[in-house]
C-alpha atoms as a PDB file:
ATOM      1  CA  MET A   1      77.366  97.477 103.104  1.00  0.00           C
ATOM      2  CA  LYS A   2      78.491  95.870 106.334  1.00  0.00           C
ATOM      3  CA  ILE A   3      77.051  92.401 106.806  1.00  0.00           C
ATOM      4  CA  ILE A   4      78.043  89.079 108.832  1.00  0.00           C
ATOM      5  CA  TYR A   5      78.959  86.676 106.066  1.00  0.00           C
ATOM      6  CA  LYS A   6      79.574  83.029 106.599  1.00  0.00           C
ATOM      7  CA  TYR A   7      82.634  80.854 105.407  1.00  0.00           C
ATOM      8  CA  GLU A   8      83.294  77.475 105.201  1.00  0.00           C
ATOM      9  CA  LEU A   9      87.003  77.542 106.741  1.00  0.00           C
ATOM     10  CA  LYS A  10      89.749  76.508 104.388  1.00  0.00           C
ATOM     11  CA  SER A  11      93.587  77.668 104.361  1.00  0.00           C
ATOM     12  CA  MET A  12      92.902  80.221 102.014  1.00  0.00           C
ATOM     13  CA  ILE A  13      89.540  82.617 102.021  1.00  0.00           C
ATOM     14  CA  SER A  14      88.836  85.446  99.625  1.00  0.00           C
ATOM     15  CA  MET A  15      86.710  88.214 101.770  1.00  0.00           C
ATOM     16  CA  PRO A  16      86.240  91.797 100.886  1.00  0.00           C
ATOM     17  CA  SER A  17      89.867  93.702 102.521  1.00  0.00           C
ATOM     18  CA  GLY A  18      89.586  94.989 106.703  1.00  0.00           C
ATOM     19  CA  ALA A  19      87.006  91.780 107.317  1.00  0.00           C
ATOM     20  CA  GLU A  20      86.772  91.569 111.074  1.00  0.00           C
ATOM     21  CA  ILE A  21      86.770  88.182 111.955  1.00  0.00           C
ATOM     22  CA  LEU A  22      84.348  87.206 114.768  1.00  0.00           C
ATOM     23  CA  CYS A  23      84.445  83.312 115.594  1.00  0.00           C
ATOM     24  CA  VAL A  24      84.317  79.592 114.196  1.00  0.00           C
ATOM     25  CA  LYS A  25      82.135  77.327 114.871  1.00  0.00           C
ATOM     26  CA  GLU A  26      81.434  73.773 113.892  1.00  0.00           C
ATOM     27  CA  GLN A  27      77.786  73.547 111.933  1.00  0.00           C
ATOM     28  CA  ARG A  28      77.024  70.086 110.179  1.00  0.00           C
ATOM     29  CA  GLY A  29      80.416  68.704 110.731  1.00  0.00           C
ATOM     30  CA  ALA A  30      82.027  71.430 108.769  1.00  0.00           C
ATOM     31  CA  CYS A  31      84.039  73.986 110.618  1.00  0.00           C
ATOM     32  CA  MET A  32      82.507  77.544 109.747  1.00  0.00           C
ATOM     33  CA  LEU A  33      84.307  81.120 110.248  1.00  0.00           C
ATOM     34  CA  TYR A  34      82.027  84.450 110.689  1.00  0.00           C
ATOM     35  CA  ALA A  35      83.027  87.353 109.761  1.00  0.00           C
ATOM     36  CA  LEU A  36      82.157  91.161 109.367  1.00  0.00           C
ATOM     37  CA  ILE A  37      82.205  92.176 106.057  1.00  0.00           C
ATOM     38  CA  ASP A  38      81.987  95.651 103.972  1.00  0.00           C
ATOM     39  CA  THR A  39      80.598  94.258 100.612  1.00  0.00           C
ATOM     40  CA  GLU A  40      81.803  97.515  99.123  1.00  0.00           C
ATOM     41  CA  ASN A  41      85.675  96.569  99.874  1.00  0.00           C
ATOM     42  CA  PRO A  42      87.868  94.682  97.185  1.00  0.00           C
ATOM     43  CA  PRO A  43      88.413  91.110  97.713  1.00  0.00           C
ATOM     44  CA  GLU A  44      91.596  89.729  99.541  1.00  0.00           C
ATOM     45  CA  ILE A  45      92.931  86.390 100.612  1.00  0.00           C
ATOM     46  CA  ARG A  46      93.459  85.815 104.164  1.00  0.00           C
ATOM     47  CA  LYS A  47      95.223  82.666 105.032  1.00  0.00           C
ATOM     48  CA  PHE A  48      94.233  80.159 108.252  1.00  0.00           C
ATOM     49  CA  SER A  49      95.862  77.175 109.945  1.00  0.00           C
ATOM     50  CA  ASN A  50      94.284  74.718 112.403  1.00  0.00           C
ATOM     51  CA  VAL A  51      96.279  72.829 115.211  1.00  0.00           C
ATOM     52  CA  VAL A  52      94.796  69.953 117.207  1.00  0.00           C
ATOM     53  CA  THR A  53      95.511  69.676 120.790  1.00  0.00           C
ATOM     54  CA  GLY A  54      98.823  68.632 121.134  1.00  0.00           C
ATOM     55  CA  GLY A  55      99.980  69.129 117.587  1.00  0.00           C
ATOM     56  CA  PRO A  56     102.898  71.367 116.628  1.00  0.00           C
ATOM     57  CA  MET A  57     102.453  74.960 116.154  1.00  0.00           C
ATOM     58  CA  SER A  58     103.706  76.883 113.270  1.00  0.00           C
ATOM     59  CA  LYS A  59     106.247  79.403 113.652  1.00  0.00           C
ATOM     60  CA  LEU A  60     105.036  81.500 111.382  1.00  0.00           C
ATOM     61  CA  GLU A  61     103.180  84.830 112.894  1.00  0.00           C
ATOM     62  CA  VAL A  62      99.794  84.459 113.687  1.00  0.00           C
ATOM     63  CA  LYS A  63      96.552  85.295 115.508  1.00  0.00           C
ATOM     64  CA  TYR A  64      94.312  82.890 117.746  1.00  0.00           C
ATOM     65  CA  ILE A  65      90.799  83.200 116.085  1.00  0.00           C
ATOM     66  CA  GLY A  66      89.222  80.576 118.575  1.00  0.00           C
ATOM     67  CA  THR A  67      88.740  76.898 119.382  1.00  0.00           C
ATOM     68  CA  VAL A  68      86.798  74.322 117.704  1.00  0.00           C
ATOM     69  CA  MET A  69      84.955  70.876 118.995  1.00  0.00           C
ATOM     70  CA  MET A  70      84.193  68.476 116.135  1.00  0.00           C
ATOM     71  CA  PHE A  71      82.124  65.446 116.408  1.00  0.00           C
ATOM     72  CA  GLY A  72      81.013  65.358 119.376  1.00  0.00           C
ATOM     73  CA  GLY A  73      84.025  66.953 121.149  1.00  0.00           C
ATOM     74  CA  SER A  74      85.918  63.720 119.722  1.00  0.00           C
ATOM     75  CA  TYR A  75      88.022  66.207 117.487  1.00  0.00           C
ATOM     76  CA  VAL A  76      89.054  70.122 118.494  1.00  0.00           C
ATOM     77  CA  GLN A  77      91.411  72.081 116.782  1.00  0.00           C
ATOM     78  CA  HIS A  78      92.376  75.697 117.598  1.00  0.00           C
ATOM     79  CA  ILE A  79      92.029  78.145 114.444  1.00  0.00           C
ATOM     80  CA  PHE A  80      94.853  80.745 113.929  1.00  0.00           C
ATOM     81  CA  GLU A  81      95.388  83.473 110.936  1.00  0.00           C
ATOM     82  CA  LEU A  82      98.606  84.007 109.301  1.00  0.00           C
ATOM     83  CA  LEU A  83      99.658  87.303 109.613  1.00  0.00           C
END
């Protein structure tokens, strides 16, 4: 069954294979990742990285997921999935 699921953003998240990342948002001081998942698919580990504005980027291959403004905009982080 396909559902939208919410995960607290960590550097590694176990989610059903083939999950489609929809967005990232701040919720109650935490960075949350929303994904469209198929509950019948086996789990896989997905890896994520955050970069603050002006911070160095990883030299690894990445896919941009979104930007999250936290604490009233005083902390901005850009979220990438490591491929």
